[in-house]
Structure formats: C-alpha cells, structure tokens
Amino acid sequence: MCTLTYKRRKRMSKEMKKEEENEEKDVFEEGESQEKKSSTIKNLTSLLIIVTGLFVGSIFIDIVQLVSGEGVSRSVLGQSDIFEIGERTWVAYEEPIARVSVLTDENCEECDPSQALLFLRRYLPTLLAEEVSIDSAQGERIIEEANVNTLPAFVFDKSIVDTSFYLQAAQIFQSDEKESLYALDVAQLGLPVGKYLELPEVGEDAIVVGNPDAPVTIVEFSDFQCPYCQLLHPSIRQALEEFDGQIRFVYKHLPLSFHAQAENAALASECANEQGKFIEYADTLFENQAQWGETEGTASFKRYASTLGLNTTTFNQCLDSQKYQEKIASDVEEAQKFGISGTPGTFVGSQFLGGAAQYESFKAMIEQELGGELQEGESDEEDAV
C-alpha cells in the first residue's frame, strides 16, 4: 500500500508540474503575440503619418506656388500639356530628351552651331545640347569614336533612337561600332560646313598638275559635264599660271548620275593623264561640253585624243576596257565621306569652296593659304634661331 501511494503522488506531482509549464507557455506566447500586434500598429501609424504629411505638404506647396506664381508641382504638370510661368510658355512632349554633344572650335567663326541648333529644334524640340571643344579630352574621344570629319558636328547618344525624328530620318545618322554614338550628317541636311578636320588624300595615282611640292594644294571634285565646273575651270587655269610653283592642282572625279556622259568623260580624262595630257584634255572637254554632252558612246572622246596627238591605240584600249573605273568609284566614295554631293566641290588648302567662283574670290583664298604658310615658315625659322 505504501508503495502504491508513493507512486501515485509522484505521478500526480509530475502532472501538476506539466500543467503549470503549459500555462506559463500559453501566457508567454500570448504576451509575444500582443507585442507583435502592438509593433505592427505602431509601424502602420508611422507610415500613415508620413503619407499624410507628404500629401498635406504637397497641397501646401501647390497652394504656395499658386499664390506666389513661382514653381510648378508634379500634380500640376499632370493636368495640362501647356502652361505659363512668368514670361515663358511651357509645352509638354511625349518625346524623350535627345542629348547631343556639339563639337566646336572657338577659333573658327564659321563653326558657330547656333543657326544649326535653331534648325534642329524645329524638328527635335526636346533637344538638350552640350557644347564640347575639339581640343578637350572629351572632344578628342568623340571625334575618334564617331569618326567626325567636319565642324560643327552634332553627336547624339542612344536617346536619339527613341525619337520620332530618328525614325523618320535614320539615314542621315551614322553610328559608331558600339551603337552608342550617332553622328548627324550635316551635309545631307544642307547645313553649311564650317571647317574640315581632315583633307582629301593625294595618292600616288592622283591626277596632279603643277609643282608636286607646292605649299598649297587645291583639290577639286568635279564632273566634266557640269556647267558650274566649266565655269570654274578658267579660274583653275589662271591660278596655275599666276601662282606657278606655289600651288598644285589635284583633280578628283564626281560624275553625277543625271549627266549621261560624265563617267565616259572621266574615264577618257584618266586615259589622257596616263599619257601626260590631262590638263589639255580637260580644256578640250570643257570647251566642247555642249557637243559631246549630246552624244552617246565614246567616239567623241577618242576623236579628241587624236586631235591632241595622243597614242590613239593605247588611249582607245584604255577607254574601252574602263581601266580606271575603280579609281573613279574611289573618288566618288571619298567625296561622299566629305559630304560633297554636288559639283564642283573644291578645297583650297584648308578652305572649302562649294560651287563656281569668280577668279578674284578664288585668288583671295589662295593668297590667304599662302599667307598662312608664310607665317608658319617664318615662325619655324624664328624657333630654329
């Protein structure tokens, strides 16, 4: 009996102890749940206070701006596509901002981009322009990466791709390899070129008339059937005589597609140059432009070669085989690189002349280039001393 009673008491004691532990656990969990609930309420209350404060603050700002007439809040912007602040009228656009780096040279008056920017903003009202000097590190990087050749230059970032202007005029943009920079072809837009950063190459096979070591080089992209090239030619001839030894004349081909005989004339002139008679043959072509321009085939060009005493067998073989076709195509490609689409396009040293010009104007450009060469030479001599 004693043994049974002891075991029973022990079991009862354990059961009571367990019940007490369960009660304590329930109390603890209930307390923890109350604490979490209280914390959540506090957080929600804080958030509500902040949101309310922002809302009230926004309304307060709107009221202040309305009364003072200064500044516009986001809520006001969303209510209208056009509004006035002071003396300005603001218009909302769905277009993204088009960021452009405008490359300029402060020493070049013709490189002023202001007129071109006015023109661009007519079609691209969200234009955001940043002027960049070509002498800066940023300018040099853009020139190299975007292959810039003329000033002023307009080089856009990728934002331009998302504009309606780009969708309509993608053909006048040239992107870099990474498609991160988009240079605008100003020549296709008809915008004037202020300065060329490079000049046409004078290769070993180039047509050169005059002193090959002359201080000033004149490069003309020309079409023998072009009436304006015909007008410029006497100025070229007079300059070669007056500035004998001081200039060299380089002729490059740009036969225009709407001149049916221009390419045949270009091929014939190359064959004449092969025999050392380019300038004489060019004189003949320009003098008789109206006659051969109405013909077909190459008979007229072969006749002129005979008149000038050329070896007709060699000349005819050269012309019939279109021996210089690739060279002419290379000249055309180079003209396009410089944005030259019409003839004549003439480089007088570092200056560019589009179209024909009276001799006095042409002469002034040559003298200006010779003056620059003289000053540079004198400076070199002084440095040597």
Protein backbone atom coordinates (compact mmCIF):
# COMPACT_ATOMS: atom_id res chain seq x y z
CA MET A 1 0.00 0.00 0.00
CA CYS A 2 2.72 2.43 0.90
CA THR A 3 4.49 1.78 -2.34
CA LEU A 4 1.37 2.40 -4.44
CA THR A 5 0.55 5.62 -2.64
CA TYR A 6 4.07 6.98 -3.20
CA LYS A 7 3.99 6.27 -6.93
CA ARG A 8 0.58 7.82 -7.27
CA ARG A 9 1.71 11.00 -5.53
CA LYS A 10 4.79 11.16 -7.69
CA ARG A 11 2.71 10.81 -10.85
CA MET A 12 0.28 13.48 -9.68
CA SER A 13 3.18 15.80 -8.91
CA LYS A 14 4.55 15.40 -12.43
CA GLU A 15 1.16 16.05 -13.97
CA MET A 16 0.69 19.21 -11.93
CA LYS A 17 4.15 20.43 -12.86
CA LYS A 18 3.47 19.84 -16.55
CA GLU A 19 0.20 21.73 -16.34
CA GLU A 20 1.99 24.67 -14.75
CA GLU A 21 4.60 24.70 -17.53
CA ASN A 22 1.88 24.67 -20.21
CA GLU A 23 0.10 27.54 -18.52
CA GLU A 24 3.34 29.56 -18.42
CA LYS A 25 3.97 28.82 -22.11
CA ASP A 26 0.48 29.96 -23.07
CA VAL A 27 0.96 33.16 -21.13
CA PHE A 28 4.34 33.79 -22.82
CA GLU A 29 3.01 33.17 -26.34
CA GLU A 30 0.02 35.38 -25.69
CA GLY A 31 2.34 38.16 -24.50
CA GLU A 32 4.61 37.79 -27.52
CA SER A 33 1.60 37.95 -29.89
CA GLN A 34 0.36 41.09 -28.18
CA GLU A 35 3.82 42.67 -28.52
CA LYS A 36 3.99 41.91 -32.28
CA LYS A 37 0.49 43.27 -32.80
CA SER A 38 1.41 46.42 -30.92
CA SER A 39 4.58 46.85 -33.03
CA THR A 40 2.62 46.44 -36.31
CA ILE A 41 0.10 49.03 -35.21
CA LYS A 42 2.91 51.47 -34.37
CA ASN A 43 4.54 50.95 -37.82
CA LEU A 44 1.27 51.43 -39.68
CA THR A 45 0.56 54.53 -37.65
CA SER A 46 4.00 55.96 -38.51
CA LEU A 47 3.50 55.20 -42.20
CA LEU A 48 0.09 56.85 -42.16
CA ILE A 49 1.59 59.94 -40.52
CA ILE A 50 4.33 60.13 -43.16
CA VAL A 51 1.93 59.69 -46.11
CA THR A 52 -0.47 62.22 -44.65
CA GLY A 53 2.39 64.65 -44.12
CA LEU A 54 3.56 64.28 -47.71
CA PHE A 55 0.02 64.74 -49.02
CA VAL A 56 -0.60 67.79 -46.87
CA GLY A 57 2.85 69.12 -47.74
CA SER A 58 2.17 68.67 -51.47
CA ILE A 59 -1.12 70.53 -51.17
CA PHE A 60 0.63 73.25 -49.19
CA ILE A 61 3.34 73.56 -51.88
CA ASP A 62 0.69 73.71 -54.62
CA ILE A 63 -1.13 76.48 -52.73
CA VAL A 64 2.09 78.45 -52.15
CA GLN A 65 3.10 78.08 -55.80
CA LEU A 66 -0.37 79.11 -56.93
CA VAL A 67 -0.32 82.22 -54.75
CA SER A 68 3.29 83.19 -55.45
CA GLY A 69 3.22 82.23 -59.13
CA GLU A 70 6.61 80.52 -58.78
CA GLY A 71 7.34 76.84 -59.47
CA VAL A 72 5.12 74.01 -60.62
CA SER A 73 4.45 70.77 -58.75
CA ARG A 74 4.21 67.32 -60.33
CA SER A 75 0.44 67.24 -59.80
CA VAL A 76 0.02 70.48 -61.74
CA LEU A 77 2.24 69.20 -64.55
CA GLY A 78 0.00 66.20 -64.95
CA GLN A 79 -3.10 68.32 -65.51
CA SER A 80 -2.03 70.27 -68.60
CA ASP A 81 0.11 69.95 -71.75
CA ILE A 82 0.77 73.70 -71.89
CA PHE A 83 1.07 76.34 -69.18
CA GLU A 84 2.75 79.66 -68.49
CA ILE A 85 5.23 80.66 -65.80
CA GLY A 86 6.17 84.30 -65.77
CA GLU A 87 7.00 85.32 -69.33
CA ARG A 88 7.57 81.77 -70.59
CA THR A 89 5.20 79.20 -72.03
CA TRP A 90 5.99 75.54 -71.32
CA VAL A 91 4.78 72.69 -73.52
CA ALA A 92 4.70 69.00 -72.60
CA TYR A 93 6.09 66.46 -75.11
CA GLU A 94 5.81 62.71 -75.23
CA GLU A 95 9.26 62.60 -76.84
CA PRO A 96 12.29 61.70 -74.66
CA ILE A 97 15.14 64.16 -74.13
CA ALA A 98 17.59 63.94 -77.04
CA ARG A 99 21.09 64.63 -75.69
CA VAL A 100 23.65 65.89 -78.19
CA SER A 101 27.31 66.88 -77.93
CA VAL A 102 28.00 69.85 -80.21
CA LEU A 103 31.67 69.88 -81.26
CA THR A 104 33.01 73.35 -81.98
CA ASP A 105 36.25 75.29 -82.39
CA GLU A 106 36.34 78.72 -80.73
CA ASN A 107 38.90 79.88 -83.30
CA CYS A 108 36.55 79.12 -86.20
CA GLU A 109 33.82 81.72 -86.76
CA GLU A 110 32.21 79.58 -89.46
CA CYS A 111 31.86 76.74 -86.92
CA ASP A 112 29.22 78.59 -84.86
CA PRO A 113 26.45 75.99 -84.26
CA SER A 114 23.68 78.39 -83.16
CA GLN A 115 21.85 78.55 -86.50
CA ALA A 116 22.08 74.81 -86.97
CA LEU A 117 20.68 74.24 -83.46
CA LEU A 118 17.73 76.52 -84.21
CA PHE A 119 17.06 74.46 -87.32
CA LEU A 120 17.29 71.15 -85.43
CA ARG A 121 14.99 72.28 -82.62
CA ARG A 122 12.21 72.83 -85.14
CA TYR A 123 12.14 69.09 -85.72
CA LEU A 124 13.55 67.95 -82.39
CA PRO A 125 12.05 70.18 -79.67
CA THR A 126 13.37 68.05 -76.79
CA LEU A 127 16.98 68.64 -77.86
CA LEU A 128 19.41 69.09 -74.95
CA ALA A 129 22.73 70.37 -76.28
CA GLU A 130 26.16 70.44 -74.65
CA GLU A 131 28.99 72.30 -76.39
CA VAL A 132 32.28 70.38 -76.43
CA SER A 133 35.59 71.84 -77.57
CA ILE A 134 37.54 69.74 -80.05
CA ASP A 135 40.68 70.45 -78.00
CA SER A 136 39.27 68.81 -74.86
CA ALA A 137 39.77 65.16 -73.92
CA GLN A 138 36.04 64.57 -74.33
CA GLY A 139 36.06 66.22 -77.76
CA GLU A 140 39.03 64.18 -78.97
CA ARG A 141 37.34 60.96 -77.78
CA ILE A 142 34.07 61.78 -79.58
CA ILE A 143 35.91 62.74 -82.79
CA GLU A 144 37.72 59.40 -82.82
CA GLU A 145 34.79 57.17 -81.82
CA ALA A 146 32.16 58.87 -84.01
CA ASN A 147 34.55 59.44 -86.94
CA VAL A 148 33.82 63.18 -87.04
CA ASN A 149 35.26 64.99 -90.06
CA THR A 150 33.52 68.37 -90.14
CA LEU A 151 32.58 71.19 -87.76
CA PRO A 152 30.22 71.99 -86.28
CA ALA A 153 29.41 68.35 -85.51
CA PHE A 154 26.34 67.02 -83.73
CA VAL A 155 26.86 63.68 -81.99
CA PHE A 156 23.87 62.19 -80.15
CA ASP A 157 23.80 59.49 -77.51
CA LYS A 158 21.44 56.49 -77.68
CA SER A 159 18.47 58.62 -76.61
CA ILE A 160 18.05 59.82 -80.21
CA VAL A 161 16.93 56.35 -81.33
CA ASP A 162 13.68 56.67 -79.36
CA THR A 163 12.63 59.94 -81.02
CA SER A 164 10.22 60.28 -83.93
CA PHE A 165 12.84 62.46 -85.68
CA TYR A 166 15.22 59.49 -85.83
CA LEU A 167 12.50 57.14 -87.05
CA GLN A 168 11.87 59.49 -89.97
CA ALA A 169 15.50 60.38 -90.71
CA ALA A 170 17.64 57.42 -89.63
CA GLN A 171 19.52 57.55 -92.95
CA ILE A 172 21.22 60.84 -92.05
CA PHE A 173 22.78 59.38 -88.90
CA GLN A 174 25.96 57.34 -88.71
CA SER A 175 26.50 55.25 -85.58
CA ASP A 176 29.77 54.02 -84.11
CA GLU A 177 30.57 50.30 -83.80
CA LYS A 178 29.03 50.08 -80.32
CA GLU A 179 25.90 51.96 -81.46
CA SER A 180 26.32 54.31 -78.52
CA LEU A 181 27.05 57.47 -80.54
CA TYR A 182 25.07 58.76 -83.52
CA ALA A 183 26.69 61.48 -85.64
CA LEU A 184 24.40 63.65 -87.74
CA ASP A 185 25.37 64.03 -91.41
CA VAL A 186 25.01 67.82 -91.68
CA ALA A 187 25.71 67.82 -95.42
CA GLN A 188 22.58 65.75 -96.13
CA LEU A 189 20.55 68.29 -94.17
CA GLY A 190 22.00 71.11 -96.24
CA LEU A 191 23.72 72.70 -93.22
CA PRO A 192 26.94 74.57 -94.06
CA VAL A 193 30.29 73.08 -93.08
CA GLY A 194 32.42 75.49 -91.08
CA LYS A 195 35.66 73.51 -91.02
CA TYR A 196 37.04 70.18 -92.19
CA LEU A 197 39.18 68.28 -89.68
CA GLU A 198 40.72 66.22 -92.48
CA LEU A 199 41.61 67.00 -96.08
CA PRO A 200 41.33 64.74 -99.15
CA GLU A 201 44.20 62.33 -99.67
CA VAL A 202 46.58 62.73 -102.58
CA GLY A 203 47.60 59.21 -103.54
CA GLU A 204 50.35 58.11 -105.88
CA ASP A 205 47.82 57.58 -108.68
CA ALA A 206 46.19 61.01 -108.24
CA ILE A 207 45.91 63.45 -111.15
CA VAL A 208 48.31 66.26 -110.16
CA VAL A 209 49.04 69.40 -112.16
CA GLY A 210 51.73 71.88 -111.08
CA ASN A 211 54.55 71.68 -108.56
CA PRO A 212 54.11 68.42 -106.60
CA ASP A 213 55.91 70.02 -103.64
CA ALA A 214 53.96 73.30 -103.70
CA PRO A 215 52.97 74.77 -100.30
CA VAL A 216 49.25 74.97 -101.20
CA THR A 217 47.16 72.12 -102.60
CA ILE A 218 43.89 72.65 -104.47
CA VAL A 219 41.67 69.57 -104.69
CA GLU A 220 38.60 69.72 -106.92
CA PHE A 221 35.83 67.10 -107.02
CA SER A 222 34.44 67.70 -110.49
CA ASP A 223 32.16 66.49 -113.29
CA PHE A 224 33.19 67.28 -116.90
CA GLN A 225 29.53 67.57 -117.93
CA CYS A 226 28.69 70.00 -115.10
CA PRO A 227 28.19 73.62 -116.33
CA TYR A 228 29.40 75.04 -113.00
CA CYS A 229 32.62 73.02 -113.24
CA GLN A 230 33.02 74.50 -116.70
CA LEU A 231 32.72 77.99 -115.18
CA LEU A 232 35.34 77.26 -112.51
CA HIS A 233 37.89 75.71 -114.86
CA PRO A 234 39.26 79.04 -116.25
CA SER A 235 39.94 80.17 -112.66
CA ILE A 236 41.91 76.97 -112.08
CA ARG A 237 43.93 77.54 -115.24
CA GLN A 238 44.63 81.19 -114.40
CA ALA A 239 45.71 80.30 -110.87
CA LEU A 240 48.15 77.67 -112.16
CA GLU A 241 49.78 80.36 -114.30
CA GLU A 242 49.77 83.19 -111.77
CA PHE A 243 50.88 81.07 -108.81
CA ASP A 244 53.27 78.90 -110.79
CA GLY A 245 55.28 76.73 -108.40
CA GLN A 246 53.21 77.78 -105.38
CA ILE A 247 50.16 75.60 -105.90
CA ARG A 248 49.45 72.09 -107.07
CA PHE A 249 46.08 71.16 -108.54
CA VAL A 250 44.58 67.73 -107.81
CA TYR A 251 41.59 66.62 -109.89
CA LYS A 252 39.15 64.06 -108.45
CA HIS A 253 36.09 62.63 -110.15
CA LEU A 254 32.48 63.03 -109.09
CA PRO A 255 30.40 62.19 -112.20
CA LEU A 256 26.77 62.88 -111.35
CA SER A 257 24.17 60.26 -112.23
CA PHE A 258 21.97 62.65 -114.24
CA HIS A 259 24.86 63.51 -116.59
CA ALA A 260 24.77 60.61 -119.06
CA GLN A 261 28.27 61.10 -120.49
CA ALA A 262 30.04 62.25 -117.32
CA GLU A 263 31.51 58.86 -116.49
CA ASN A 264 32.80 58.26 -120.02
CA ALA A 265 34.43 61.70 -119.90
CA ALA A 266 36.04 60.85 -116.55
CA LEU A 267 37.42 57.56 -117.92
CA ALA A 268 38.75 59.35 -121.01
CA SER A 269 40.50 62.03 -118.91
CA GLU A 270 42.29 59.32 -116.93
CA CYS A 271 43.49 57.73 -120.16
CA ALA A 272 44.76 61.14 -121.30
CA ASN A 273 46.51 61.65 -117.96
CA GLU A 274 48.23 58.31 -118.49
CA GLN A 275 49.98 59.94 -121.47
CA GLY A 276 50.74 63.20 -119.59
CA LYS A 277 48.00 65.22 -121.30
CA PHE A 278 45.33 65.62 -118.60
CA ILE A 279 45.06 69.42 -118.41
CA GLU A 280 45.00 69.78 -122.21
CA TYR A 281 42.32 67.09 -122.48
CA ALA A 282 40.31 68.73 -119.67
CA ASP A 283 40.47 72.04 -121.57
CA THR A 284 39.07 70.30 -124.65
CA LEU A 285 36.27 68.59 -122.72
CA PHE A 286 35.10 71.83 -121.10
CA GLU A 287 35.37 73.81 -124.35
CA ASN A 288 33.24 71.25 -126.20
CA GLN A 289 30.92 70.30 -123.34
CA ALA A 290 27.73 71.15 -125.22
CA GLN A 291 28.70 68.97 -128.22
CA TRP A 292 29.83 65.70 -126.63
CA GLY A 293 27.19 66.03 -123.91
CA GLU A 294 24.53 65.32 -126.56
CA THR A 295 26.26 62.19 -127.88
CA GLU A 296 26.30 58.54 -126.86
CA GLY A 297 29.22 56.16 -126.54
CA THR A 298 32.91 57.09 -126.63
CA ALA A 299 33.54 58.15 -130.26
CA SER A 300 33.84 61.87 -129.39
CA PHE A 301 36.36 61.20 -126.63
CA LYS A 302 38.53 59.10 -128.96
CA ARG A 303 38.44 61.85 -131.57
CA TYR A 304 39.64 64.44 -129.03
CA ALA A 305 42.55 62.15 -128.13
CA SER A 306 43.58 62.00 -131.77
CA THR A 307 43.32 65.79 -132.12
CA LEU A 308 45.68 66.25 -129.16
CA GLY A 309 48.24 63.87 -130.67
CA LEU A 310 47.84 61.06 -128.13
CA ASN A 311 48.67 57.46 -128.94
CA THR A 312 45.16 56.52 -130.04
CA THR A 313 45.73 52.76 -129.90
CA THR A 314 46.75 52.93 -126.25
CA PHE A 315 44.10 55.51 -125.45
CA ASN A 316 41.30 53.52 -127.09
CA GLN A 317 42.28 50.30 -125.33
CA CYS A 318 42.36 52.18 -122.01
CA LEU A 319 38.94 53.73 -122.59
CA ASP A 320 37.25 50.57 -123.96
CA SER A 321 38.45 48.47 -121.02
CA GLN A 322 37.25 51.09 -118.49
CA LYS A 323 40.67 50.77 -116.91
CA TYR A 324 40.13 53.48 -114.30
CA GLN A 325 36.59 52.55 -113.24
CA GLU A 326 37.64 51.56 -109.70
CA LYS A 327 39.65 54.73 -109.23
CA ILE A 328 36.68 56.89 -110.23
CA ALA A 329 34.46 54.93 -107.83
CA SER A 330 37.03 55.55 -105.07
CA ASP A 331 36.93 59.30 -105.75
CA VAL A 332 33.12 59.27 -105.52
CA GLU A 333 33.28 57.42 -102.21
CA GLU A 334 35.77 59.94 -100.84
CA ALA A 335 33.51 62.82 -101.92
CA GLN A 336 30.64 61.24 -100.01
CA LYS A 337 32.87 60.93 -96.95
CA PHE A 338 33.31 64.71 -97.03
CA GLY A 339 29.61 65.27 -97.58
CA ILE A 340 30.10 66.56 -101.13
CA SER A 341 27.07 65.74 -103.24
CA GLY A 342 27.29 68.50 -105.87
CA THR A 343 29.98 69.78 -108.19
CA PRO A 344 32.31 71.48 -108.18
CA GLY A 345 33.47 70.96 -104.59
CA THR A 346 36.92 72.45 -104.13
CA PHE A 347 39.40 72.50 -101.26
CA VAL A 348 41.80 75.43 -101.41
CA GLY A 349 44.25 74.40 -98.72
CA SER A 350 42.09 74.04 -95.59
CA GLN A 351 39.24 76.14 -97.03
CA PHE A 352 36.28 74.72 -98.89
CA LEU A 353 34.52 76.28 -101.87
CA GLY A 354 31.17 74.89 -102.94
CA GLY A 355 30.21 75.75 -106.50
CA ALA A 356 31.84 78.10 -109.01
CA ALA A 357 33.51 81.39 -108.08
CA GLN A 358 34.93 84.45 -109.78
CA TYR A 359 38.70 84.38 -110.10
CA GLU A 360 39.25 87.24 -107.63
CA SER A 361 37.48 85.27 -104.88
CA PHE A 362 39.41 82.14 -105.80
CA LYS A 363 42.66 84.09 -105.83
CA ALA A 364 41.96 85.57 -102.39
CA MET A 365 41.57 82.10 -100.93
CA ILE A 366 44.91 81.02 -102.40
CA GLU A 367 46.66 84.13 -101.06
CA GLN A 368 45.18 83.52 -97.63
CA GLU A 369 46.55 79.99 -97.64
CA LEU A 370 49.94 81.18 -98.88
CA GLY A 371 49.96 83.83 -96.16
CA GLY A 372 49.36 81.15 -93.54
CA GLU A 373 52.13 79.02 -94.98
CA LEU A 374 54.48 82.04 -94.96
CA GLN A 375 53.70 82.89 -91.33
CA GLU A 376 54.20 79.26 -90.32
CA GLY A 377 57.53 79.16 -92.15
CA GLU A 378 58.71 82.38 -90.51
CA SER A 379 57.71 81.03 -87.10
CA ASP A 380 59.71 77.86 -87.71
CA GLU A 381 62.76 79.91 -88.67
CA GLU A 382 62.48 82.03 -85.51
CA ASP A 383 62.22 78.88 -83.39
CA ALA A 384 65.32 77.49 -85.08
CA VAL A 385 67.25 80.69 -84.31
